[in-house]
Amino acid sequence: MEIIVNGLKETTLPCSIAEFVANKGLAPGALVVELNQQIIKQQQWQAIQLKEDDQLELLSFVGGG
């Protein structure tokens, strides 16, 4: 299926947000996920399945000074 990730089309197998994040090798502790313009709490990631044409924004925080 195709979804939009950070503005770019991407093909993925059906999965939950948690599975998608894990497959990307991203650290969930420093990540904010927005699905179809709604911020999704990390506690909900496992329960929400991605669907065709979903728009996903993955925002990670970077420390520094």
N, C-alpha and C. Protein backbone atom coordinates (compact mmCIF):
# COMPACT_ATOMS: atom_id res chain seq x y z
N MET A 1 0.85 -1.18 0.00
CA MET A 1 0.00 0.00 0.00
C MET A 1 0.89 1.24 0.00
N GLU A 2 0.33 2.34 -0.47
CA GLU A 2 1.08 3.60 -0.50
C GLU A 2 0.57 4.55 0.56
N ILE A 3 1.52 5.18 1.27
CA ILE A 3 1.21 6.23 2.22
C ILE A 3 2.15 7.40 1.93
N ILE A 4 1.86 8.53 2.52
CA ILE A 4 2.72 9.70 2.38
C ILE A 4 3.46 9.88 3.71
N VAL A 5 4.80 9.87 3.66
CA VAL A 5 5.61 10.03 4.86
C VAL A 5 6.46 11.28 4.69
N ASN A 6 6.22 12.26 5.55
CA ASN A 6 6.94 13.53 5.49
C ASN A 6 6.92 14.12 4.08
N GLY A 7 5.76 14.01 3.43
CA GLY A 7 5.55 14.63 2.13
C GLY A 7 5.95 13.78 0.93
N LEU A 8 6.48 12.58 1.16
CA LEU A 8 6.94 11.72 0.06
C LEU A 8 6.16 10.41 0.05
N LYS A 9 5.80 9.95 -1.16
CA LYS A 9 5.10 8.66 -1.28
C LYS A 9 6.03 7.53 -0.87
N GLU A 10 5.48 6.58 -0.14
CA GLU A 10 6.25 5.43 0.29
C GLU A 10 5.36 4.20 0.24
N THR A 11 5.93 3.08 -0.16
CA THR A 11 5.19 1.83 -0.21
C THR A 11 5.54 1.01 1.03
N THR A 12 4.52 0.48 1.69
CA THR A 12 4.73 -0.33 2.90
C THR A 12 3.68 -1.42 2.97
N LEU A 13 3.99 -2.44 3.73
CA LEU A 13 2.99 -3.46 4.02
C LEU A 13 2.04 -2.91 5.08
N PRO A 14 0.81 -3.40 5.15
CA PRO A 14 -0.09 -2.96 6.22
C PRO A 14 0.55 -3.23 7.58
N CYS A 15 0.52 -2.23 8.45
CA CYS A 15 1.13 -2.35 9.78
C CYS A 15 0.61 -1.26 10.68
N SER A 16 0.93 -1.37 11.96
CA SER A 16 0.58 -0.33 12.91
C SER A 16 1.63 0.78 12.84
N ILE A 17 1.32 1.90 13.48
CA ILE A 17 2.30 2.98 13.55
C ILE A 17 3.55 2.49 14.27
N ALA A 18 3.38 1.75 15.37
CA ALA A 18 4.52 1.23 16.13
C ALA A 18 5.40 0.34 15.27
N GLU A 19 4.79 -0.53 14.48
CA GLU A 19 5.56 -1.41 13.60
C GLU A 19 6.29 -0.61 12.53
N PHE A 20 5.63 0.40 11.98
CA PHE A 20 6.25 1.23 10.95
C PHE A 20 7.48 1.95 11.51
N VAL A 21 7.33 2.53 12.71
CA VAL A 21 8.44 3.23 13.35
C VAL A 21 9.60 2.26 13.60
N ALA A 22 9.30 1.07 14.10
CA ALA A 22 10.33 0.07 14.37
C ALA A 22 11.03 -0.36 13.08
N ASN A 23 10.25 -0.56 12.01
CA ASN A 23 10.83 -0.97 10.73
C ASN A 23 11.75 0.10 10.16
N LYS A 24 11.49 1.36 10.48
CA LYS A 24 12.34 2.46 10.02
C LYS A 24 13.59 2.61 10.88
N GLY A 25 13.63 1.92 12.03
CA GLY A 25 14.78 2.02 12.92
C GLY A 25 14.83 3.33 13.69
N LEU A 26 13.67 3.94 13.89
CA LEU A 26 13.61 5.22 14.59
C LEU A 26 13.44 5.01 16.10
N ALA A 27 14.00 5.92 16.89
CA ALA A 27 13.87 5.85 18.34
C ALA A 27 12.54 6.47 18.77
N PRO A 28 11.62 5.66 19.27
CA PRO A 28 10.30 6.18 19.60
C PRO A 28 10.29 7.22 20.71
N GLY A 29 11.29 7.20 21.60
CA GLY A 29 11.32 8.14 22.71
C GLY A 29 11.47 9.59 22.29
N ALA A 30 12.08 9.83 21.15
CA ALA A 30 12.33 11.20 20.69
C ALA A 30 11.52 11.51 19.44
N LEU A 31 10.37 10.84 19.29
CA LEU A 31 9.60 10.96 18.06
C LEU A 31 8.17 11.43 18.33
N VAL A 32 7.71 12.35 17.50
CA VAL A 32 6.30 12.76 17.51
C VAL A 32 5.71 12.29 16.18
N VAL A 33 4.54 11.66 16.25
CA VAL A 33 3.88 11.14 15.06
C VAL A 33 2.58 11.88 14.84
N GLU A 34 2.42 12.38 13.62
CA GLU A 34 1.17 13.02 13.22
C GLU A 34 0.58 12.19 12.09
N LEU A 35 -0.66 11.75 12.26
CA LEU A 35 -1.34 10.94 11.25
C LEU A 35 -2.54 11.72 10.75
N ASN A 36 -2.55 12.02 9.47
CA ASN A 36 -3.64 12.77 8.85
C ASN A 36 -3.96 14.04 9.64
N GLN A 37 -2.90 14.78 9.96
CA GLN A 37 -2.95 16.08 10.62
C GLN A 37 -3.43 16.02 12.07
N GLN A 38 -3.27 14.86 12.71
CA GLN A 38 -3.63 14.71 14.12
C GLN A 38 -2.47 14.04 14.85
N ILE A 39 -2.00 14.66 15.94
CA ILE A 39 -0.91 14.08 16.72
C ILE A 39 -1.42 12.84 17.43
N ILE A 40 -0.65 11.76 17.32
CA ILE A 40 -1.02 10.48 17.92
C ILE A 40 -0.09 10.21 19.10
N LYS A 41 -0.66 9.98 20.28
CA LYS A 41 0.14 9.67 21.46
C LYS A 41 0.80 8.31 21.29
N GLN A 42 2.01 8.19 21.83
CA GLN A 42 2.79 6.97 21.66
C GLN A 42 2.04 5.75 22.21
N GLN A 43 1.24 5.91 23.23
CA GLN A 43 0.47 4.80 23.80
C GLN A 43 -0.52 4.22 22.79
N GLN A 44 -0.89 4.98 21.76
CA GLN A 44 -1.87 4.55 20.77
C GLN A 44 -1.23 3.94 19.51
N TRP A 45 0.07 4.05 19.37
CA TRP A 45 0.74 3.63 18.14
C TRP A 45 0.46 2.18 17.78
N GLN A 46 0.47 1.28 18.77
CA GLN A 46 0.27 -0.14 18.49
C GLN A 46 -1.14 -0.43 18.00
N ALA A 47 -2.11 0.34 18.46
CA ALA A 47 -3.52 0.07 18.14
C ALA A 47 -3.96 0.65 16.80
N ILE A 48 -3.22 1.61 16.27
CA ILE A 48 -3.65 2.29 15.04
C ILE A 48 -2.94 1.68 13.83
N GLN A 49 -3.74 1.13 12.93
CA GLN A 49 -3.23 0.52 11.70
C GLN A 49 -3.19 1.57 10.59
N LEU A 50 -2.09 1.62 9.87
CA LEU A 50 -1.97 2.52 8.73
C LEU A 50 -2.82 1.99 7.58
N LYS A 51 -3.39 2.93 6.81
CA LYS A 51 -4.24 2.57 5.68
C LYS A 51 -3.74 3.27 4.42
N GLU A 52 -4.17 2.76 3.28
CA GLU A 52 -3.83 3.34 1.99
C GLU A 52 -4.08 4.85 2.00
N ASP A 53 -3.11 5.60 1.50
CA ASP A 53 -3.19 7.06 1.34
C ASP A 53 -3.14 7.84 2.66
N ASP A 54 -2.81 7.17 3.79
CA ASP A 54 -2.61 7.92 5.03
C ASP A 54 -1.46 8.88 4.86
N GLN A 55 -1.52 10.01 5.58
CA GLN A 55 -0.43 10.97 5.57
C GLN A 55 0.21 10.97 6.95
N LEU A 56 1.47 10.60 6.98
CA LEU A 56 2.21 10.44 8.23
C LEU A 56 3.34 11.44 8.27
N GLU A 57 3.44 12.15 9.38
CA GLU A 57 4.56 13.05 9.60
C GLU A 57 5.33 12.52 10.80
N LEU A 58 6.62 12.30 10.64
CA LEU A 58 7.48 11.81 11.71
C LEU A 58 8.46 12.92 12.07
N LEU A 59 8.36 13.41 13.28
CA LEU A 59 9.18 14.52 13.73
C LEU A 59 10.03 14.06 14.90
N SER A 60 11.35 14.17 14.78
CA SER A 60 12.22 13.77 15.88
C SER A 60 12.89 15.00 16.48
N PHE A 61 13.07 14.91 17.79
CA PHE A 61 13.72 16.00 18.52
C PHE A 61 15.20 15.73 18.59
N VAL A 62 15.97 16.79 18.39
CA VAL A 62 17.42 16.69 18.45
C VAL A 62 17.89 17.67 19.52
N GLY A 63 18.66 17.16 20.46
CA GLY A 63 19.21 18.02 21.52
C GLY A 63 20.44 18.74 21.04
N GLY A 64 20.79 19.75 21.75
CA GLY A 64 22.01 20.50 21.39
C GLY A 64 21.94 21.90 21.96
N GLY A 65 22.95 22.63 21.70
CA GLY A 65 22.93 23.98 22.26
C GLY A 65 23.96 24.86 21.67
